[in-house]
Amino acid sequence: MYQIDNATSSATLPAPATPGTPGYFILGNQTTGTAATIVTADFLNMLMMELINVLAAAAVTPSKTNYSQVAGVIQGGALAFGTDSGVANAYIVTMRQPTPALIDGQLVTFRAVNANTGATTMEVYGLTPQPVIGLSDLPLQGGEIITSGMVSMRWSASQTSWILVATAGGSLAIPGGTQTNHAVTVAQLNALSAAITAAYIAADMVVAANAASALSAADTALTAAYVAADVVVAGNAATALAAETASRVLECAQLGWYGQEQALTGAGNFTVPAGVYKIRHRTRGAGGTGGGSSAGNGGGSGGGGDYEEGVIATTPGTVIAYSVGVGVAGTTGNGSPGGNTTFGSITAGGGLGGTAGSGVTSGSAGAGGTGTGGTVSLPGGSGGVTTQTATGSGTYLQACGGISFGGASFIQLNGISSAGSNGQMPGCGGNGGVLGGVGGQGGNGSLIVEW
């Protein structure tokens, strides 16, 4: 495209004639004497300068040998690109070719000098600044436009707003997805996360502080898997996923999976972790001490500790006092009872001690411990009585300590002075001593909590 430049052209643009009535070209008719339309210099100058100004607005130098310059400007969209001179949240864009009014659907692209931090406006052509909204039809919140980021906005006359349709490096504000292939908003993902948490709680599961990171990692992996498969979870799909999650979690609960476990020792306070609303406990009392003996007899063995188990409702931050019972060392005298194990209002009683032998008579067995508070309550087993294998043989079967649920004890054959064996497993009673031996110590109690 190039301006006319021959010897008969003018170096300056002539003043145009006064506008007449708009019309159309005709060829004329010699038969009827109708003259053809005369193409005036005004008309040719108007066409030429319209095209030249297209190149000028796009900073394109006219060329006499390039016949596609105007097409290149239109195709490249250069006329829609402006320069920003505003501040954060208030963009002022100067276009290459000003217009007196905004046109519905008009596109403006610019490189932002500043990032936005909240609600935003844009001024173009020196006209009144207008609000900017996202594809969600809501005002911007911040972070949609970054410093030096390329931004495209389209004017909507019906909404009296600029719509942010593209942003490089910023977060594009979108409406919530309603179909499986739609993008989702952070609000929808938060709702999905809340639904998953509710599903855990509904299935007698809890999302505790130390389990939250695992759940977060699982959510991240789940999201990555969906992204890799080009799938997004939105709208009705979120409900379906939440229902599926609830089903899977319920299966885990029915199988007895609780996620976290802690064995408590000694005495103290257990603080319910954040997000935890139910606790499973396994509470066991200590075994009783076996009775001691003198020459010619054996002591009775101690009883096993009680076992309590169940799930209790609670709330995060609740402090629950506990104490774990311990077994007592044996003597040649009567055995001592095992210590009780308590967890809040739950008590698993320790087994009673066996009595010491007297003369040629062996001591009696200690009774098993009893308890309260558990959904499952299993009293400890009674201890055994030391017996002589045959009258006058001098060989004794050491009394077997009472068992606690899940535990075991054993019989020992003795023909010499021997201390009773200690309880071999948590909560089991100690064996009775033989022929002057001390009674065995009962096994310590135990307390395990799960959430």
Protein backbone atom coordinates (compact mmCIF):
# COMPACT_ATOMS: atom_id res chain seq x y z
CA MET A 1 0.00 0.00 0.00
CA TYR A 2 1.34 3.43 -0.92
CA GLN A 3 0.04 6.96 -1.40
CA ILE A 4 -0.21 8.35 -4.91
CA ASP A 5 3.08 10.05 -5.74
CA ASN A 6 3.11 11.03 -9.43
CA ALA A 7 3.89 14.51 -10.78
CA THR A 8 0.24 15.55 -10.92
CA SER A 9 -0.48 14.73 -7.26
CA SER A 10 -0.65 17.34 -4.50
CA ALA A 11 1.86 17.43 -1.65
CA THR A 12 -0.94 18.40 0.76
CA LEU A 13 -4.41 17.02 1.28
CA PRO A 14 -6.94 19.29 -0.42
CA ALA A 15 -9.87 20.46 1.65
CA PRO A 16 -12.81 18.18 0.87
CA ALA A 17 -15.97 19.57 -0.66
CA THR A 18 -19.09 20.08 1.45
CA PRO A 19 -20.78 16.68 2.00
CA GLY A 20 -23.70 15.98 -0.28
CA THR A 21 -26.44 13.36 -0.28
CA PRO A 22 -24.93 9.86 0.09
CA GLY A 23 -25.38 7.80 -3.09
CA TYR A 24 -24.00 5.00 -5.27
CA PHE A 25 -21.90 4.72 -8.43
CA ILE A 26 -23.64 4.30 -11.80
CA LEU A 27 -22.28 3.59 -15.30
CA GLY A 28 -24.53 6.14 -17.04
CA ASN A 29 -26.59 5.63 -20.22
CA GLN A 30 -25.70 7.35 -23.49
CA THR A 31 -29.10 6.51 -25.00
CA THR A 32 -31.00 8.31 -22.28
CA GLY A 33 -28.34 10.89 -21.76
CA THR A 34 -27.65 9.76 -18.18
CA ALA A 35 -24.09 10.64 -17.18
CA ALA A 36 -21.83 8.13 -15.43
CA THR A 37 -20.76 8.85 -11.86
CA ILE A 38 -17.66 11.02 -11.69
CA VAL A 39 -15.01 9.68 -9.27
CA THR A 40 -13.69 12.78 -7.53
CA ALA A 41 -10.34 13.44 -5.91
CA ASP A 42 -12.18 13.78 -2.57
CA PHE A 43 -13.48 10.23 -2.82
CA LEU A 44 -10.14 8.71 -3.89
CA ASN A 45 -8.26 10.61 -1.18
CA MET A 46 -10.76 9.31 1.41
CA LEU A 47 -10.20 5.68 0.38
CA MET A 48 -6.44 6.09 0.18
CA MET A 49 -6.11 7.78 3.58
CA GLU A 50 -8.36 5.23 5.32
CA LEU A 51 -5.97 2.50 4.22
CA ILE A 52 -2.84 4.55 4.95
CA ASN A 53 -4.11 5.30 8.46
CA VAL A 54 -4.64 1.58 9.09
CA LEU A 55 -0.91 1.08 8.44
CA ALA A 56 0.01 4.17 10.48
CA ALA A 57 -2.02 2.98 13.51
CA ALA A 58 -0.14 -0.31 13.37
CA ALA A 59 3.23 1.45 12.90
CA VAL A 60 3.67 -0.18 9.50
CA THR A 61 5.72 1.73 6.89
CA PRO A 62 3.83 1.90 3.55
CA SER A 63 5.48 -0.06 0.73
CA LYS A 64 4.92 0.38 -3.00
CA THR A 65 5.70 -3.29 -3.68
CA ASN A 66 3.75 -4.99 -0.86
CA TYR A 67 0.09 -5.48 -1.66
CA SER A 68 -0.94 -7.25 1.57
CA GLN A 69 0.04 -4.78 4.26
CA VAL A 70 -3.52 -3.89 5.24
CA ALA A 71 -4.47 -7.58 5.35
CA GLY A 72 -1.45 -8.26 7.58
CA VAL A 73 -2.48 -5.57 10.06
CA ILE A 74 -6.04 -6.92 10.24
CA GLN A 75 -4.90 -10.51 10.61
CA GLY A 76 -2.29 -9.68 13.26
CA GLY A 77 -4.77 -7.78 15.44
CA ALA A 78 -2.31 -4.94 15.96
CA LEU A 79 -5.08 -2.35 16.16
CA ALA A 80 -6.51 -4.08 19.25
CA PHE A 81 -3.20 -3.77 21.15
CA GLY A 82 -2.70 -0.87 23.53
CA THR A 83 -0.22 0.45 26.09
CA ASP A 84 -0.96 0.43 29.84
CA SER A 85 0.01 3.42 31.98
CA GLY A 86 -2.24 2.81 34.96
CA VAL A 87 -1.70 1.43 38.47
CA ALA A 88 -2.72 -1.77 40.21
CA ASN A 89 -6.49 -2.31 39.98
CA ALA A 90 -6.92 0.75 37.74
CA TYR A 91 -5.57 0.18 34.24
CA ILE A 92 -5.33 3.04 31.72
CA VAL A 93 -4.85 1.77 28.17
CA THR A 94 -3.93 3.99 25.25
CA MET A 95 -4.87 2.50 21.88
CA ARG A 96 -3.12 3.20 18.58
CA GLN A 97 -6.32 4.43 16.99
CA PRO A 98 -8.76 6.23 19.31
CA THR A 99 -12.52 5.85 18.97
CA PRO A 100 -15.24 8.13 20.39
CA ALA A 101 -17.21 5.34 22.10
CA LEU A 102 -16.91 1.73 23.17
CA ILE A 103 -18.33 -0.86 20.79
CA ASP A 104 -20.06 -4.01 22.03
CA GLY A 105 -17.72 -6.98 21.61
CA GLN A 106 -14.66 -4.76 21.14
CA LEU A 107 -11.37 -6.48 22.08
CA VAL A 108 -8.49 -4.74 23.85
CA THR A 109 -5.16 -6.44 24.54
CA PHE A 110 -2.28 -4.96 26.56
CA ARG A 111 0.68 -5.86 28.73
CA ALA A 112 -0.12 -4.93 32.34
CA VAL A 113 2.37 -2.74 34.16
CA ASN A 114 1.06 -3.87 37.56
CA ALA A 115 -0.69 -6.91 39.01
CA ASN A 116 -4.21 -6.59 40.37
CA THR A 117 -4.99 -7.25 44.03
CA GLY A 118 -8.76 -6.92 44.05
CA ALA A 119 -11.67 -5.34 42.18
CA THR A 120 -10.40 -3.74 38.97
CA THR A 121 -11.33 -1.05 36.44
CA MET A 122 -10.02 -0.17 32.97
CA GLU A 123 -10.02 3.15 31.10
CA VAL A 124 -9.65 3.15 27.32
CA TYR A 125 -9.47 6.06 24.83
CA GLY A 126 -9.72 8.53 27.71
CA LEU A 127 -13.32 7.47 28.34
CA THR A 128 -14.84 6.82 31.78
CA PRO A 129 -13.17 3.88 33.61
CA GLN A 130 -15.38 0.79 33.61
CA PRO A 131 -15.38 -2.26 35.92
CA VAL A 132 -13.65 -5.49 34.92
CA ILE A 133 -15.38 -8.82 35.56
CA GLY A 134 -14.29 -12.42 35.00
CA LEU A 135 -15.91 -15.12 32.93
CA SER A 136 -17.80 -15.85 36.13
CA ASP A 137 -19.62 -12.50 35.68
CA LEU A 138 -18.23 -11.46 39.07
CA PRO A 139 -15.74 -8.69 39.96
CA LEU A 140 -12.07 -9.70 40.03
CA GLN A 141 -10.69 -10.78 43.42
CA GLY A 142 -6.95 -10.37 42.93
CA GLY A 143 -4.29 -12.45 41.21
CA GLU A 144 -6.07 -12.56 37.86
CA ILE A 145 -3.57 -10.12 36.31
CA ILE A 146 0.17 -10.33 36.95
CA THR A 147 2.92 -7.78 36.40
CA SER A 148 4.03 -7.77 32.73
CA GLY A 149 1.34 -10.33 31.93
CA MET A 150 -0.49 -10.15 28.60
CA VAL A 151 -4.19 -9.44 29.12
CA SER A 152 -7.19 -9.48 26.78
CA MET A 153 -10.55 -7.91 27.62
CA ARG A 154 -13.77 -7.66 25.64
CA TRP A 155 -16.39 -4.96 26.16
CA SER A 156 -19.92 -6.08 27.06
CA ALA A 157 -22.43 -3.29 26.54
CA SER A 158 -25.24 -5.27 28.23
CA GLN A 159 -23.15 -5.72 31.39
CA THR A 160 -21.46 -2.31 31.18
CA SER A 161 -18.20 -4.02 31.98
CA TRP A 162 -14.99 -5.28 30.47
CA ILE A 163 -14.78 -9.09 30.57
CA LEU A 164 -11.36 -10.60 31.26
CA VAL A 165 -11.23 -13.31 28.57
CA ALA A 166 -7.53 -14.18 28.66
CA THR A 167 -4.63 -13.61 31.06
CA ALA A 168 -1.05 -14.87 30.85
CA GLY A 169 0.23 -16.09 34.21
CA GLY A 170 -2.83 -14.99 36.17
CA SER A 171 -5.77 -16.97 37.50
CA LEU A 172 -8.74 -16.88 35.16
CA ALA A 173 -12.03 -16.27 36.97
CA ILE A 174 -14.53 -18.85 35.74
CA PRO A 175 -18.07 -19.97 36.58
CA GLY A 176 -18.54 -23.23 38.46
CA GLY A 177 -18.51 -26.32 36.25
CA THR A 178 -21.74 -28.27 35.79
CA GLN A 179 -20.59 -31.05 33.46
CA THR A 180 -17.84 -33.64 33.76
CA ASN A 181 -15.57 -31.91 31.22
CA HIS A 182 -15.97 -28.43 32.72
CA ALA A 183 -13.29 -26.71 34.75
CA VAL A 184 -14.01 -26.33 38.46
CA THR A 185 -13.59 -23.47 40.88
CA VAL A 186 -11.72 -23.50 44.19
CA ALA A 187 -15.11 -23.18 45.91
CA GLN A 188 -16.26 -26.43 44.28
CA LEU A 189 -13.07 -28.23 45.31
CA ASN A 190 -13.51 -26.97 48.88
CA ALA A 191 -17.09 -28.25 48.86
CA LEU A 192 -15.83 -31.60 47.59
CA SER A 193 -13.21 -31.75 50.35
CA ALA A 194 -15.90 -30.98 52.94
CA ALA A 195 -18.08 -33.75 51.49
CA ILE A 196 -15.20 -36.22 51.77
CA THR A 197 -14.56 -35.20 55.39
CA ALA A 198 -18.27 -35.57 56.17
CA ALA A 199 -18.19 -39.01 54.57
CA TYR A 200 -15.32 -40.04 56.86
CA ILE A 201 -17.19 -38.88 59.94
CA ALA A 202 -20.44 -40.52 58.78
CA ALA A 203 -18.58 -43.80 58.38
CA ASP A 204 -17.28 -43.66 61.98
CA MET A 205 -13.94 -42.46 60.66
CA VAL A 206 -12.09 -39.30 61.67
CA VAL A 207 -9.64 -36.99 59.96
CA ALA A 208 -7.15 -36.20 62.72
CA ALA A 209 -4.32 -33.68 62.62
CA ASN A 210 -1.69 -36.27 61.83
CA ALA A 211 -4.05 -37.96 59.35
CA ALA A 212 -4.91 -34.67 57.63
CA SER A 213 -1.58 -34.56 55.79
CA ALA A 214 -2.17 -38.07 54.50
CA LEU A 215 -5.65 -37.11 53.35
CA SER A 216 -4.24 -33.98 51.70
CA ALA A 217 -1.66 -36.11 49.88
CA ALA A 218 -4.43 -38.46 48.81
CA ASP A 219 -6.48 -35.50 47.53
CA THR A 220 -3.43 -34.26 45.61
CA ALA A 221 -2.86 -37.67 44.07
CA LEU A 222 -6.55 -37.93 43.21
CA THR A 223 -6.50 -34.50 41.56
CA ALA A 224 -3.34 -35.38 39.62
CA ALA A 225 -4.96 -38.58 38.41
CA TYR A 226 -8.01 -36.69 37.19
CA VAL A 227 -5.86 -34.06 35.48
CA ALA A 228 -3.76 -36.76 33.81
CA ALA A 229 -6.94 -38.33 32.50
CA ASP A 230 -8.23 -34.96 31.28
CA VAL A 231 -11.14 -35.26 33.68
CA VAL A 232 -12.40 -32.69 36.17
CA VAL A 233 -14.72 -33.20 39.11
CA ALA A 234 -17.48 -30.63 39.04
CA GLY A 235 -21.17 -30.17 39.85
CA ASN A 236 -23.05 -33.46 39.88
CA ALA A 237 -19.77 -35.40 39.51
CA ALA A 238 -18.68 -34.12 42.94
CA THR A 239 -21.78 -35.64 44.53
CA ALA A 240 -21.07 -38.98 42.88
CA LEU A 241 -17.45 -38.95 44.08
CA ALA A 242 -18.48 -38.04 47.63
CA ALA A 243 -20.94 -40.94 47.67
CA GLU A 244 -18.28 -43.31 46.35
CA THR A 245 -15.82 -42.05 48.98
CA ALA A 246 -18.38 -42.63 51.75
CA SER A 247 -18.90 -46.18 50.51
CA ARG A 248 -15.18 -46.95 50.47
CA VAL A 249 -14.63 -45.38 53.88
CA LEU A 250 -17.50 -47.37 55.34
CA GLU A 251 -15.86 -50.53 54.04
CA CYS A 252 -12.64 -49.54 55.82
CA ALA A 253 -14.55 -48.89 59.05
CA GLN A 254 -16.23 -52.27 58.87
CA LEU A 255 -12.82 -53.89 58.48
CA GLY A 256 -11.62 -52.10 61.63
CA TRP A 257 -9.19 -49.66 60.01
CA TYR A 258 -8.75 -46.54 62.10
CA GLY A 259 -5.63 -45.00 60.63
CA GLN A 260 -3.69 -43.94 63.72
CA GLU A 261 -2.69 -45.86 66.86
CA GLN A 262 -0.91 -44.89 70.07
CA ALA A 263 0.15 -47.09 72.99
CA LEU A 264 -0.06 -45.10 76.24
CA THR A 265 2.17 -45.87 79.24
CA GLY A 266 2.35 -44.70 82.83
CA ALA A 267 -0.21 -42.09 83.84
CA GLY A 268 -1.14 -38.77 82.24
CA ASN A 269 -3.62 -37.02 80.01
CA PHE A 270 -4.51 -37.85 76.41
CA THR A 271 -5.62 -34.85 74.31
CA VAL A 272 -7.98 -35.70 71.47
CA PRO A 273 -6.35 -34.52 68.19
CA ALA A 274 -7.89 -31.92 65.90
CA GLY A 275 -10.64 -33.28 63.69
CA VAL A 276 -11.19 -36.39 65.83
CA TYR A 277 -14.70 -37.20 67.01
CA LYS A 278 -14.44 -40.91 67.85
CA ILE A 279 -11.76 -42.91 69.66
CA ARG A 280 -11.35 -46.68 69.84
CA HIS A 281 -9.72 -47.95 73.04
CA ARG A 282 -8.24 -51.30 74.11
CA THR A 283 -7.83 -51.22 77.88
CA ARG A 284 -6.23 -54.04 79.90
CA GLY A 285 -5.54 -54.36 83.63
CA ALA A 286 -2.29 -55.82 85.02
CA GLY A 287 -2.00 -59.44 86.12
CA GLY A 288 -1.96 -60.41 89.79
CA THR A 289 1.26 -61.56 91.48
CA GLY A 290 1.71 -65.27 92.18
CA GLY A 291 1.73 -66.37 95.83
CA GLY A 292 5.04 -67.25 97.46
CA SER A 293 5.88 -70.57 99.10
CA SER A 294 7.72 -72.26 101.93
CA ALA A 295 9.33 -75.71 102.11
CA GLY A 296 6.88 -78.41 101.14
CA ASN A 297 4.33 -76.32 99.26
CA GLY A 298 3.66 -73.97 96.38
CA GLY A 299 1.89 -70.62 96.03
CA GLY A 300 -1.29 -70.03 94.06
CA SER A 301 -0.86 -68.10 90.80
CA GLY A 302 -2.23 -64.61 90.17
CA GLY A 303 -5.39 -63.86 88.17
CA GLY A 304 -5.35 -62.29 84.75
CA GLY A 305 -6.26 -58.63 84.12
CA ASP A 306 -9.65 -57.58 82.75
CA TYR A 307 -9.95 -56.43 79.09
CA GLU A 308 -12.26 -53.61 77.94
CA GLU A 309 -12.68 -52.46 74.34
CA GLY A 310 -14.99 -50.02 72.54
CA VAL A 311 -15.49 -46.80 70.57
CA ILE A 312 -16.28 -43.60 72.44
CA ALA A 313 -17.63 -40.34 71.04
CA THR A 314 -15.54 -37.26 71.80
CA THR A 315 -14.56 -33.84 70.46
CA PRO A 316 -11.21 -32.35 69.40
CA GLY A 317 -9.18 -30.95 72.28
CA THR A 318 -10.90 -33.04 74.96
CA VAL A 319 -8.45 -34.10 77.68
CA ILE A 320 -8.86 -37.69 78.92
CA ALA A 321 -6.99 -38.82 82.05
CA TYR A 322 -5.47 -42.28 81.96
CA SER A 323 -3.38 -44.63 84.05
CA VAL A 324 -1.84 -47.95 82.98
CA GLY A 325 -1.70 -50.61 85.69
CA VAL A 326 1.57 -52.42 86.48
CA GLY A 327 2.36 -55.80 87.97
CA VAL A 328 3.91 -56.06 91.44
CA ALA A 329 7.10 -58.02 92.22
CA GLY A 330 6.51 -61.26 94.15
CA THR A 331 7.58 -62.30 97.67
CA THR A 332 7.30 -65.52 99.66
CA GLY A 333 4.05 -64.15 101.05
CA ASN A 334 0.68 -63.58 99.46
CA GLY A 335 0.67 -62.12 95.96
CA SER A 336 -0.45 -58.52 95.30
CA PRO A 337 -3.29 -57.53 92.95
CA GLY A 338 -2.31 -56.09 89.56
CA GLY A 339 -2.88 -52.40 89.00
CA ASN A 340 -6.07 -51.15 87.34
CA THR A 341 -5.85 -49.51 83.92
CA THR A 342 -8.19 -46.54 83.42
CA PHE A 343 -9.07 -44.36 80.44
CA GLY A 344 -11.53 -41.67 81.43
CA SER A 345 -14.56 -43.50 82.88
CA ILE A 346 -13.35 -46.89 81.60
CA THR A 347 -11.69 -49.24 84.06
CA ALA A 348 -10.01 -52.60 83.41
CA GLY A 349 -9.38 -54.15 86.82
CA GLY A 350 -6.15 -55.95 87.64
CA GLY A 351 -6.11 -59.65 88.54
CA LEU A 352 -5.95 -60.60 92.20
CA GLY A 353 -2.81 -62.12 93.71
CA GLY A 354 -2.47 -65.80 94.61
CA THR A 355 -2.06 -66.72 98.25
CA ALA A 356 1.11 -68.18 99.72
CA GLY A 357 1.43 -71.86 100.56
CA SER A 358 1.15 -72.89 104.22
CA GLY A 359 2.68 -76.01 105.73
CA VAL A 360 2.14 -78.75 103.22
CA THR A 361 -0.87 -76.98 101.69
CA SER A 362 -0.46 -75.00 98.49
CA GLY A 363 -1.90 -71.51 98.21
CA SER A 364 -5.13 -70.69 96.41
CA ALA A 365 -5.39 -69.01 93.04
CA GLY A 366 -6.10 -65.33 92.53
CA ALA A 367 -9.36 -64.39 90.77
CA GLY A 368 -9.34 -62.64 87.42
CA GLY A 369 -9.88 -58.89 87.27
CA THR A 370 -13.20 -57.31 86.24
CA GLY A 371 -13.95 -53.94 84.67
CA THR A 372 -16.56 -51.51 83.40
CA GLY A 373 -17.16 -49.12 80.51
CA GLY A 374 -16.21 -51.15 77.47
CA THR A 375 -18.57 -52.21 74.70
CA VAL A 376 -16.65 -55.47 74.93
CA SER A 377 -15.86 -56.53 78.51
CA LEU A 378 -13.82 -59.72 79.11
CA PRO A 379 -12.85 -60.52 82.74
CA GLY A 380 -9.42 -61.99 83.34
CA GLY A 381 -8.96 -65.73 83.91
CA SER A 382 -8.42 -67.15 87.39
CA GLY A 383 -4.99 -68.40 88.32
CA GLY A 384 -4.06 -72.03 88.99
CA VAL A 385 -3.04 -74.01 92.05
CA THR A 386 0.42 -75.58 92.48
CA THR A 387 0.11 -79.36 92.78
CA GLN A 388 2.47 -82.21 93.66
CA THR A 389 2.84 -84.69 90.83
CA ALA A 390 2.47 -87.56 93.28
CA THR A 391 2.22 -87.74 97.06
CA GLY A 392 5.69 -87.51 98.57
CA SER A 393 7.34 -87.11 95.15
CA GLY A 394 8.72 -83.67 95.97
CA THR A 395 8.01 -82.57 92.38
CA TYR A 396 5.46 -79.84 91.79
CA LEU A 397 3.61 -78.42 88.83
CA GLN A 398 4.02 -74.69 89.23
CA ALA A 399 0.59 -73.01 89.25
CA CYS A 400 -0.19 -71.40 85.91
CA GLY A 401 -1.01 -67.68 85.99
CA GLY A 402 -4.47 -66.53 84.90
CA ILE A 403 -4.67 -65.27 81.34
CA SER A 404 -5.90 -61.94 80.03
CA PHE A 405 -7.81 -61.85 76.70
CA GLY A 406 -5.45 -62.78 73.87
CA GLY A 407 -2.66 -63.83 76.23
CA ALA A 408 -1.19 -67.16 77.35
CA SER A 409 0.50 -68.75 80.36
CA PHE A 410 2.43 -71.99 80.95
CA ILE A 411 3.02 -74.72 83.53
CA GLN A 412 6.50 -75.38 84.86
CA LEU A 413 7.64 -78.61 86.54
CA ASN A 414 9.83 -78.04 89.60
CA GLY A 415 11.54 -80.33 92.07
CA ILE A 416 13.62 -77.65 93.72
CA SER A 417 13.00 -74.24 95.22
CA SER A 418 11.91 -72.03 92.38
CA ALA A 419 10.45 -68.55 91.90
CA GLY A 420 7.19 -68.41 90.00
CA SER A 421 7.46 -67.32 86.37
CA ASN A 422 6.40 -63.75 85.64
CA GLY A 423 3.30 -63.12 83.53
CA GLN A 424 4.47 -63.79 79.99
CA MET A 425 2.14 -61.37 78.19
CA PRO A 426 0.38 -58.08 79.11
CA GLY A 427 -2.22 -58.62 81.80
CA CYS A 428 -1.35 -62.28 82.51
CA GLY A 429 -0.96 -63.41 86.12
CA GLY A 430 2.34 -64.49 87.63
CA ASN A 431 2.91 -68.17 88.49
CA GLY A 432 3.08 -69.31 92.11
CA GLY A 433 6.46 -69.96 93.73
CA VAL A 434 7.51 -73.52 94.67
CA LEU A 435 9.39 -74.92 97.69
CA GLY A 436 10.37 -71.60 99.18
CA GLY A 437 10.42 -69.58 95.95
CA VAL A 438 8.80 -66.16 95.54
CA GLY A 439 5.71 -65.63 93.43
CA GLY A 440 6.01 -64.44 89.83
CA GLN A 441 5.23 -60.83 88.94
CA GLY A 442 2.01 -60.22 87.02
CA GLY A 443 2.26 -58.83 83.49
CA ASN A 444 1.77 -55.07 83.17
CA GLY A 445 -1.48 -53.72 81.85
CA SER A 446 -1.81 -51.98 78.49
CA LEU A 447 -3.75 -49.15 76.88
CA ILE A 448 -3.99 -48.59 73.12
CA VAL A 449 -6.06 -45.85 71.51
CA GLU A 450 -6.89 -45.60 67.81
CA TRP A 451 -8.44 -42.88 65.64
